[in-house]
């Protein structure tokens, strides 16, 4: 095989791999009751919104005045769909069989039609590798204050929720181990004083492309969680907040807000 042919083979292999990796950006999942058309079709607009958020990195894309008219016609953009029984392994025990069982309904949207829809919204697909996000989060709940760490004794449910938000926007998240936090001298009550030098040290240890610093506080008066987020090493040192929500919503705001601020400016 000559060098030119080898180059062509390698290029096509890389091109196929890149397209396969990008396919996840055109995919979304929603929870429905039963695996039938009467619940699937009404779920398409929600699936379209989730896929559009992920594809563009814009969590606020549904606020575009044009969005609603595209969402109601999104069935024509669905290339395929699959169901996963969320109660797989548990015997059917209701009179209606699978009608009342919860399913993960996954839509794969057609790339060309989705790209055209994003163009109609004035958006562009954010293709290729997404930045890896290192997380520095101080949590104050009703019992304690702690730093959320990959190997920490507390916060396993928070880490799982962050992983869901990561998948929702296709932004990889990395939690520091307790040793990483100690090496960068990051401790509860001190995160507002973190220097750029300490954060750069942590970023290097984690192999991250960006660092997200946050505080998650339980508020009994609202009630709910109050979260503040910032990207201190970014060009604009962006910050934002959300209050009166569960931690799932707080972490969606964290990762979605990061995606919105780190996506290519051409979007």
C-alpha atoms as a PDB file:
ATOM      1  CA  UNK A   1       0.000   0.000   0.000  1.00  0.00           C
ATOM      2  CA  UNK A   2       1.570   3.296  -1.065  1.00  0.00           C
ATOM      3  CA  UNK A   3       1.881   6.388   1.106  1.00  0.00           C
ATOM      4  CA  UNK A   4      -0.937   8.254  -0.644  1.00  0.00           C
ATOM      5  CA  UNK A   5      -3.368   5.381  -0.135  1.00  0.00           C
ATOM      6  CA  UNK A   6      -2.304   5.038   3.500  1.00  0.00           C
ATOM      7  CA  UNK A   7      -2.993   8.743   4.010  1.00  0.00           C
ATOM      8  CA  UNK A   8      -6.457   8.420   2.450  1.00  0.00           C
ATOM      9  CA  UNK A   9      -7.294   5.386   4.583  1.00  0.00           C
ATOM     10  CA  UNK A  10      -6.168   7.202   7.739  1.00  0.00           C
ATOM     11  CA  UNK A  11      -8.171  10.302   6.791  1.00  0.00           C
ATOM     12  CA  UNK A  12     -11.369   8.343   6.183  1.00  0.00           C
ATOM     13  CA  UNK A  13     -10.866   6.430   9.449  1.00  0.00           C
ATOM     14  CA  UNK A  14     -10.404   9.681  11.364  1.00  0.00           C
ATOM     15  CA  UNK A  15     -13.382  11.268   9.590  1.00  0.00           C
ATOM     16  CA  UNK A  16     -15.636   8.307  10.455  1.00  0.00           C
ATOM     17  CA  UNK A  17     -14.493   8.328  14.080  1.00  0.00           C
ATOM     18  CA  UNK A  18     -15.057  12.080  14.403  1.00  0.00           C
ATOM     19  CA  UNK A  19     -18.556  11.775  12.955  1.00  0.00           C
ATOM     20  CA  UNK A  20     -19.341   8.882  15.301  1.00  0.00           C
ATOM     21  CA  UNK A  21     -18.158  10.950  18.261  1.00  0.00           C
ATOM     22  CA  UNK A  22     -20.291  13.890  17.139  1.00  0.00           C
ATOM     23  CA  UNK A  23     -23.393  11.710  16.809  1.00  0.00           C
ATOM     24  CA  UNK A  24     -23.949  11.993  20.570  1.00  0.00           C
ATOM     25  CA  UNK A  25     -24.474  15.736  20.111  1.00  0.00           C
ATOM     26  CA  UNK A  26     -27.531  14.982  17.977  1.00  0.00           C
ATOM     27  CA  UNK A  27     -29.000  12.640  20.588  1.00  0.00           C
ATOM     28  CA  UNK A  28     -31.193  13.168  23.641  1.00  0.00           C
ATOM     29  CA  UNK A  29     -33.217  11.122  26.105  1.00  0.00           C
ATOM     30  CA  UNK A  30     -36.468  11.827  27.919  1.00  0.00           C
ATOM     31  CA  UNK A  31     -38.503   9.746  30.370  1.00  0.00           C
ATOM     32  CA  UNK A  32     -41.917   8.563  29.141  1.00  0.00           C
ATOM     33  CA  UNK A  33     -44.598   6.250  30.476  1.00  0.00           C
ATOM     34  CA  UNK A  34     -44.971   3.181  28.255  1.00  0.00           C
ATOM     35  CA  UNK A  35     -43.424   2.489  24.859  1.00  0.00           C
ATOM     36  CA  UNK A  36     -46.196   3.638  22.578  1.00  0.00           C
ATOM     37  CA  UNK A  37     -46.816   6.371  20.029  1.00  0.00           C
ATOM     38  CA  UNK A  38     -49.276   8.345  22.137  1.00  0.00           C
ATOM     39  CA  UNK A  39     -46.527   9.132  24.650  1.00  0.00           C
ATOM     40  CA  UNK A  40     -43.596   9.148  22.222  1.00  0.00           C
ATOM     41  CA  UNK A  41     -44.810  11.820  19.794  1.00  0.00           C
ATOM     42  CA  UNK A  42     -45.585  14.449  22.484  1.00  0.00           C
ATOM     43  CA  UNK A  43     -42.062  13.892  23.871  1.00  0.00           C
ATOM     44  CA  UNK A  44     -40.323  14.877  20.623  1.00  0.00           C
ATOM     45  CA  UNK A  45     -40.303  18.678  21.272  1.00  0.00           C
ATOM     46  CA  UNK A  46     -38.645  18.129  24.659  1.00  0.00           C
ATOM     47  CA  UNK A  47     -36.099  15.797  23.065  1.00  0.00           C
ATOM     48  CA  UNK A  48     -35.472  18.378  20.355  1.00  0.00           C
ATOM     49  CA  UNK A  49     -34.844  21.088  22.962  1.00  0.00           C
ATOM     50  CA  UNK A  50     -32.371  18.908  24.861  1.00  0.00           C
ATOM     51  CA  UNK A  51     -30.528  17.964  21.680  1.00  0.00           C
ATOM     52  CA  UNK A  52     -30.415  21.600  20.535  1.00  0.00           C
ATOM     53  CA  UNK A  53     -28.979  22.687  23.893  1.00  0.00           C
ATOM     54  CA  UNK A  54     -26.292  20.042  23.714  1.00  0.00           C
ATOM     55  CA  UNK A  55     -25.479  20.591  20.043  1.00  0.00           C
ATOM     56  CA  UNK A  56     -24.994  24.357  20.361  1.00  0.00           C
ATOM     57  CA  UNK A  57     -23.920  24.644  23.995  1.00  0.00           C
ATOM     58  CA  UNK A  58     -26.705  27.179  24.538  1.00  0.00           C
ATOM     59  CA  UNK A  59     -28.955  26.249  27.499  1.00  0.00           C
ATOM     60  CA  UNK A  60     -31.277  29.168  26.695  1.00  0.00           C
ATOM     61  CA  UNK A  61     -31.923  28.226  23.081  1.00  0.00           C
ATOM     62  CA  UNK A  62     -35.651  27.613  23.679  1.00  0.00           C
ATOM     63  CA  UNK A  63     -36.051  31.334  24.444  1.00  0.00           C
ATOM     64  CA  UNK A  64     -35.363  32.115  20.782  1.00  0.00           C
ATOM     65  CA  UNK A  65     -38.654  33.370  19.244  1.00  0.00           C
ATOM     66  CA  UNK A  66     -38.260  30.922  16.354  1.00  0.00           C
ATOM     67  CA  UNK A  67     -37.715  27.882  18.542  1.00  0.00           C
ATOM     68  CA  UNK A  68     -41.338  26.925  19.261  1.00  0.00           C
ATOM     69  CA  UNK A  69     -42.255  26.753  15.580  1.00  0.00           C
ATOM     70  CA  UNK A  70     -39.329  24.387  14.952  1.00  0.00           C
ATOM     71  CA  UNK A  71     -40.031  22.228  18.013  1.00  0.00           C
ATOM     72  CA  UNK A  72     -43.608  21.406  16.988  1.00  0.00           C
ATOM     73  CA  UNK A  73     -42.295  20.111  13.647  1.00  0.00           C
ATOM     74  CA  UNK A  74     -39.341  18.238  15.149  1.00  0.00           C
ATOM     75  CA  UNK A  75     -40.840  14.779  14.518  1.00  0.00           C
ATOM     76  CA  UNK A  76     -39.614  15.106  10.927  1.00  0.00           C
ATOM     77  CA  UNK A  77     -36.061  15.539  12.257  1.00  0.00           C
ATOM     78  CA  UNK A  78     -36.027  12.244  14.197  1.00  0.00           C
ATOM     79  CA  UNK A  79     -33.773   9.725  12.434  1.00  0.00           C
ATOM     80  CA  UNK A  80     -34.337   6.895  14.940  1.00  0.00           C
ATOM     81  CA  UNK A  81     -35.506   6.216  18.472  1.00  0.00           C
ATOM     82  CA  UNK A  82     -34.994   3.500  21.081  1.00  0.00           C
ATOM     83  CA  UNK A  83     -36.519   2.595  24.433  1.00  0.00           C
ATOM     84  CA  UNK A  84     -34.866   1.386  27.623  1.00  0.00           C
ATOM     85  CA  UNK A  85     -37.064   0.027  30.403  1.00  0.00           C
ATOM     86  CA  UNK A  86     -36.029   1.856  33.577  1.00  0.00           C
ATOM     87  CA  UNK A  87     -37.404  -1.083  35.567  1.00  0.00           C
ATOM     88  CA  UNK A  88     -35.524  -3.716  33.582  1.00  0.00           C
ATOM     89  CA  UNK A  89     -35.160  -6.858  35.648  1.00  0.00           C
ATOM     90  CA  UNK A  90     -38.275  -6.171  37.706  1.00  0.00           C
ATOM     91  CA  UNK A  91     -41.309  -8.309  36.799  1.00  0.00           C
ATOM     92  CA  UNK A  92     -44.388  -6.654  35.319  1.00  0.00           C
ATOM     93  CA  UNK A  93     -46.949  -6.438  38.096  1.00  0.00           C
ATOM     94  CA  UNK A  94     -49.611  -4.015  36.888  1.00  0.00           C
ATOM     95  CA  UNK A  95     -52.749  -4.910  34.961  1.00  0.00           C
ATOM     96  CA  UNK A  96     -51.726  -2.838  31.953  1.00  0.00           C
ATOM     97  CA  UNK A  97     -48.382  -4.563  31.454  1.00  0.00           C
ATOM     98  CA  UNK A  98     -45.788  -2.094  30.156  1.00  0.00           C
ATOM     99  CA  UNK A  99     -48.216   0.816  29.707  1.00  0.00           C
ATOM    100  CA  UNK A 100     -47.414   2.333  33.089  1.00  0.00           C
ATOM    101  CA  UNK A 101     -43.706   1.471  33.232  1.00  0.00           C
ATOM    102  CA  UNK A 102     -41.162   4.287  32.885  1.00  0.00           C
ATOM    103  CA  UNK A 103     -38.869   4.170  29.861  1.00  0.00           C
ATOM    104  CA  UNK A 104     -35.855   6.172  28.751  1.00  0.00           C
ATOM    105  CA  UNK A 105     -36.785   7.238  25.220  1.00  0.00           C
ATOM    106  CA  UNK A 106     -33.691   8.176  23.212  1.00  0.00           C
ATOM    107  CA  UNK A 107     -33.985  10.187  20.011  1.00  0.00           C
ATOM    108  CA  UNK A 108     -31.268  10.316  17.368  1.00  0.00           C
ATOM    109  CA  UNK A 109     -31.880  13.401  15.238  1.00  0.00           C
ATOM    110  CA  UNK A 110     -30.912  13.732  11.593  1.00  0.00           C
ATOM    111  CA  UNK A 111     -27.693  15.751  11.350  1.00  0.00           C
ATOM    112  CA  UNK A 112     -28.530  17.749   8.231  1.00  0.00           C
ATOM    113  CA  UNK A 113     -32.021  18.659   9.403  1.00  0.00           C
ATOM    114  CA  UNK A 114     -30.779  19.613  12.857  1.00  0.00           C
ATOM    115  CA  UNK A 115     -28.000  21.738  11.358  1.00  0.00           C
ATOM    116  CA  UNK A 116     -30.586  23.496   9.189  1.00  0.00           C
ATOM    117  CA  UNK A 117     -32.802  24.076  12.227  1.00  0.00           C
ATOM    118  CA  UNK A 118     -29.887  25.539  14.200  1.00  0.00           C
ATOM    119  CA  UNK A 119     -29.095  27.832  11.264  1.00  0.00           C
ATOM    120  CA  UNK A 120     -32.709  29.053  11.353  1.00  0.00           C
ATOM    121  CA  UNK A 121     -32.106  29.927  15.014  1.00  0.00           C
ATOM    122  CA  UNK A 122     -28.893  31.768  14.183  1.00  0.00           C
ATOM    123  CA  UNK A 123     -26.845  29.040  15.898  1.00  0.00           C
ATOM    124  CA  UNK A 124     -24.067  26.700  14.810  1.00  0.00           C
ATOM    125  CA  UNK A 125     -23.260  23.155  15.941  1.00  0.00           C
ATOM    126  CA  UNK A 126     -20.390  23.037  18.417  1.00  0.00           C
ATOM    127  CA  UNK A 127     -18.554  20.022  17.051  1.00  0.00           C
ATOM    128  CA  UNK A 128     -15.320  18.387  18.097  1.00  0.00           C
ATOM    129  CA  UNK A 129     -13.889  17.882  21.594  1.00  0.00           C
ATOM    130  CA  UNK A 130     -15.503  19.825  24.423  1.00  0.00           C
ATOM    131  CA  UNK A 131     -13.423  21.383  27.227  1.00  0.00           C
ATOM    132  CA  UNK A 132     -12.799  19.203  30.289  1.00  0.00           C
ATOM    133  CA  UNK A 133     -14.126  21.007  33.351  1.00  0.00           C
ATOM    134  CA  UNK A 134     -12.458  20.724  36.756  1.00  0.00           C
ATOM    135  CA  UNK A 135     -14.914  21.205  39.635  1.00  0.00           C
ATOM    136  CA  UNK A 136     -14.160  23.097  42.861  1.00  0.00           C
ATOM    137  CA  UNK A 137     -17.352  23.030  44.914  1.00  0.00           C
ATOM    138  CA  UNK A 138     -17.981  23.938  48.538  1.00  0.00           C
ATOM    139  CA  UNK A 139     -21.190  22.391  49.881  1.00  0.00           C
ATOM    140  CA  UNK A 140     -23.052  23.554  52.991  1.00  0.00           C
ATOM    141  CA  UNK A 141     -26.044  21.376  53.803  1.00  0.00           C
ATOM    142  CA  UNK A 142     -28.108  21.091  56.988  1.00  0.00           C
ATOM    143  CA  UNK A 143     -25.418  19.032  58.728  1.00  0.00           C
ATOM    144  CA  UNK A 144     -21.957  20.045  57.519  1.00  0.00           C
ATOM    145  CA  UNK A 145     -19.717  22.041  55.202  1.00  0.00           C
ATOM    146  CA  UNK A 146     -17.271  20.213  52.950  1.00  0.00           C
ATOM    147  CA  UNK A 147     -15.457  20.261  49.617  1.00  0.00           C
ATOM    148  CA  UNK A 148     -16.927  17.882  47.056  1.00  0.00           C
ATOM    149  CA  UNK A 149     -14.136  15.455  46.160  1.00  0.00           C
ATOM    150  CA  UNK A 150     -13.945  12.421  43.881  1.00  0.00           C
ATOM    151  CA  UNK A 151     -13.039  10.212  46.829  1.00  0.00           C
ATOM    152  CA  UNK A 152     -14.820  12.164  49.555  1.00  0.00           C
ATOM    153  CA  UNK A 153     -17.028  10.507  52.154  1.00  0.00           C
ATOM    154  CA  UNK A 154     -19.872  12.919  51.416  1.00  0.00           C
ATOM    155  CA  UNK A 155     -21.686  13.884  48.245  1.00  0.00           C
ATOM    156  CA  UNK A 156     -21.982  10.684  46.195  1.00  0.00           C
ATOM    157  CA  UNK A 157     -25.474  11.761  45.095  1.00  0.00           C
ATOM    158  CA  UNK A 158     -24.123  15.165  44.125  1.00  0.00           C
ATOM    159  CA  UNK A 159     -21.381  13.612  42.014  1.00  0.00           C
ATOM    160  CA  UNK A 160     -23.939  11.418  40.243  1.00  0.00           C
ATOM    161  CA  UNK A 161     -26.135  14.438  39.557  1.00  0.00           C
ATOM    162  CA  UNK A 162     -23.160  16.367  38.190  1.00  0.00           C
ATOM    163  CA  UNK A 163     -22.456  13.415  35.882  1.00  0.00           C
ATOM    164  CA  UNK A 164     -26.030  13.675  34.530  1.00  0.00           C
ATOM    165  CA  UNK A 165     -25.538  17.383  33.851  1.00  0.00           C
ATOM    166  CA  UNK A 166     -22.221  16.588  32.187  1.00  0.00           C
ATOM    167  CA  UNK A 167     -23.925  14.171  29.776  1.00  0.00           C
ATOM    168  CA  UNK A 168     -26.759  16.617  29.139  1.00  0.00           C
ATOM    169  CA  UNK A 169     -24.355  19.201  27.710  1.00  0.00           C
ATOM    170  CA  UNK A 170     -21.547  16.852  26.638  1.00  0.00           C
ATOM    171  CA  UNK A 171     -19.078  18.718  28.856  1.00  0.00           C
ATOM    172  CA  UNK A 172     -16.728  16.300  30.689  1.00  0.00           C
ATOM    173  CA  UNK A 173     -16.396  17.077  34.403  1.00  0.00           C
ATOM    174  CA  UNK A 174     -13.474  16.111  36.643  1.00  0.00           C
ATOM    175  CA  UNK A 175     -13.641  16.007  40.424  1.00  0.00           C
ATOM    176  CA  UNK A 176     -10.444  16.556  42.349  1.00  0.00           C
ATOM    177  CA  UNK A 177      -9.407  13.956  44.874  1.00  0.00           C
ATOM    178  CA  UNK A 178      -8.920  15.088  48.447  1.00  0.00           C
ATOM    179  CA  UNK A 179      -5.152  14.934  47.899  1.00  0.00           C
ATOM    180  CA  UNK A 180      -5.482  17.261  44.888  1.00  0.00           C
ATOM    181  CA  UNK A 181      -7.442  19.784  46.932  1.00  0.00           C
ATOM    182  CA  UNK A 182      -4.910  19.581  49.754  1.00  0.00           C
ATOM    183  CA  UNK A 183      -1.992  20.092  47.341  1.00  0.00           C
ATOM    184  CA  UNK A 184      -3.628  23.268  46.068  1.00  0.00           C
ATOM    185  CA  UNK A 185      -4.500  24.360  49.640  1.00  0.00           C
ATOM    186  CA  UNK A 186      -8.221  24.410  48.838  1.00  0.00           C
ATOM    187  CA  UNK A 187     -10.424  24.056  51.920  1.00  0.00           C
ATOM    188  CA  UNK A 188     -13.975  24.952  53.022  1.00  0.00           C
ATOM    189  CA  UNK A 189     -14.454  28.590  53.881  1.00  0.00           C
ATOM    190  CA  UNK A 190     -11.544  29.695  51.716  1.00  0.00           C
ATOM    191  CA  UNK A 191     -12.725  29.280  48.129  1.00  0.00           C
ATOM    192  CA  UNK A 192     -13.481  32.983  47.698  1.00  0.00           C
ATOM    193  CA  UNK A 193      -9.813  33.665  48.423  1.00  0.00           C
ATOM    194  CA  UNK A 194      -8.378  31.211  45.898  1.00  0.00           C
ATOM    195  CA  UNK A 195      -5.544  32.688  43.882  1.00  0.00           C
ATOM    196  CA  UNK A 196      -5.128  32.127  40.167  1.00  0.00           C
ATOM    197  CA  UNK A 197      -1.869  30.321  41.000  1.00  0.00           C
ATOM    198  CA  UNK A 198      -3.642  27.734  43.184  1.00  0.00           C
ATOM    199  CA  UNK A 199      -6.332  27.210  40.580  1.00  0.00           C
ATOM    200  CA  UNK A 200      -3.747  26.799  37.825  1.00  0.00           C
ATOM    201  CA  UNK A 201      -1.992  24.198  39.982  1.00  0.00           C
ATOM    202  CA  UNK A 202      -5.232  22.273  40.367  1.00  0.00           C
ATOM    203  CA  UNK A 203      -6.071  22.625  36.685  1.00  0.00           C
ATOM    204  CA  UNK A 204      -2.713  21.115  35.777  1.00  0.00           C
ATOM    205  CA  UNK A 205      -3.085  18.228  38.258  1.00  0.00           C
ATOM    206  CA  UNK A 206      -6.534  17.372  36.893  1.00  0.00           C
ATOM    207  CA  UNK A 207      -5.641  17.758  33.226  1.00  0.00           C
ATOM    208  CA  UNK A 208      -8.607  20.105  32.897  1.00  0.00           C
ATOM    209  CA  UNK A 209      -9.161  22.800  30.285  1.00  0.00           C
ATOM    210  CA  UNK A 210     -11.119  25.064  32.640  1.00  0.00           C
ATOM    211  CA  UNK A 211     -11.954  25.334  36.341  1.00  0.00           C
ATOM    212  CA  UNK A 212     -15.465  25.958  37.672  1.00  0.00           C
ATOM    213  CA  UNK A 213     -15.646  27.267  41.237  1.00  0.00           C
ATOM    214  CA  UNK A 214     -18.969  27.028  43.024  1.00  0.00           C
ATOM    215  CA  UNK A 215     -20.772  27.262  46.322  1.00  0.00           C
ATOM    216  CA  UNK A 216     -23.882  25.199  47.050  1.00  0.00           C
ATOM    217  CA  UNK A 217     -25.822  26.252  50.167  1.00  0.00           C
ATOM    218  CA  UNK A 218     -29.057  24.858  51.554  1.00  0.00           C
ATOM    219  CA  UNK A 219     -31.493  27.676  52.279  1.00  0.00           C
ATOM    220  CA  UNK A 220     -34.296  26.886  54.719  1.00  0.00           C
ATOM    221  CA  UNK A 221     -36.148  30.122  53.967  1.00  0.00           C
ATOM    222  CA  UNK A 222     -36.567  29.597  50.201  1.00  0.00           C
ATOM    223  CA  UNK A 223     -36.481  26.493  50.615  1.00  0.00           C
ATOM    224  CA  UNK A 224     -33.990  24.858  48.305  1.00  0.00           C
ATOM    225  CA  UNK A 225     -30.388  25.172  47.208  1.00  0.00           C
ATOM    226  CA  UNK A 226     -28.663  28.434  46.404  1.00  0.00           C
ATOM    227  CA  UNK A 227     -25.729  28.037  44.042  1.00  0.00           C
ATOM    228  CA  UNK A 228     -23.151  30.492  42.758  1.00  0.00           C
ATOM    229  CA  UNK A 229     -20.765  29.649  39.933  1.00  0.00           C
ATOM    230  CA  UNK A 230     -17.761  31.334  38.380  1.00  0.00           C
ATOM    231  CA  UNK A 231     -15.039  30.665  35.844  1.00  0.00           C
ATOM    232  CA  UNK A 232     -12.146  32.566  37.445  1.00  0.00           C
ATOM    233  CA  UNK A 233      -9.539  31.593  34.853  1.00  0.00           C
ATOM    234  CA  UNK A 234     -11.663  32.559  31.866  1.00  0.00           C
ATOM    235  CA  UNK A 235     -11.091  35.794  29.995  1.00  0.00           C
ATOM    236  CA  UNK A 236     -14.146  37.524  31.476  1.00  0.00           C
ATOM    237  CA  UNK A 237     -14.165  35.826  34.919  1.00  0.00           C
ATOM    238  CA  UNK A 238     -17.837  35.053  34.311  1.00  0.00           C
ATOM    239  CA  UNK A 239     -20.181  34.391  37.247  1.00  0.00           C
ATOM    240  CA  UNK A 240     -23.844  33.459  37.660  1.00  0.00           C
ATOM    241  CA  UNK A 241     -26.253  32.125  40.291  1.00  0.00           C
ATOM    242  CA  UNK A 242     -29.476  30.173  40.810  1.00  0.00           C
ATOM    243  CA  UNK A 243     -31.648  29.832  43.918  1.00  0.00           C
ATOM    244  CA  UNK A 244     -34.598  27.888  45.294  1.00  0.00           C
ATOM    245  CA  UNK A 245     -33.895  24.736  43.280  1.00  0.00           C
ATOM    246  CA  UNK A 246     -32.919  21.112  43.825  1.00  0.00           C
ATOM    247  CA  UNK A 247     -29.273  20.223  43.258  1.00  0.00           C
ATOM    248  CA  UNK A 248     -30.032  18.631  39.877  1.00  0.00           C
ATOM    249  CA  UNK A 249     -31.176  22.029  38.601  1.00  0.00           C
ATOM    250  CA  UNK A 250     -28.223  23.724  40.287  1.00  0.00           C
ATOM    251  CA  UNK A 251     -25.773  21.467  38.455  1.00  0.00           C
ATOM    252  CA  UNK A 252     -27.574  21.846  35.133  1.00  0.00           C
ATOM    253  CA  UNK A 253     -27.172  25.594  35.612  1.00  0.00           C
ATOM    254  CA  UNK A 254     -23.490  25.029  36.392  1.00  0.00           C
ATOM    255  CA  UNK A 255     -22.629  22.941  33.342  1.00  0.00           C
ATOM    256  CA  UNK A 256     -25.061  24.675  30.993  1.00  0.00           C
ATOM    257  CA  UNK A 257     -23.805  28.091  32.072  1.00  0.00           C
ATOM    258  CA  UNK A 258     -20.229  26.934  31.497  1.00  0.00           C
ATOM    259  CA  UNK A 259     -21.072  25.605  28.037  1.00  0.00           C
ATOM    260  CA  UNK A 260     -22.724  28.903  27.125  1.00  0.00           C
ATOM    261  CA  UNK A 261     -19.628  30.862  28.174  1.00  0.00           C
ATOM    262  CA  UNK A 262     -16.950  28.544  26.764  1.00  0.00           C
ATOM    263  CA  UNK A 263     -18.515  27.657  23.425  1.00  0.00           C
ATOM    264  CA  UNK A 264     -16.885  29.208  20.334  1.00  0.00           C
ATOM    265  CA  UNK A 265     -17.666  32.893  20.014  1.00  0.00           C
ATOM    266  CA  UNK A 266     -18.733  32.309  16.407  1.00  0.00           C
ATOM    267  CA  UNK A 267     -21.915  30.767  17.856  1.00  0.00           C
END
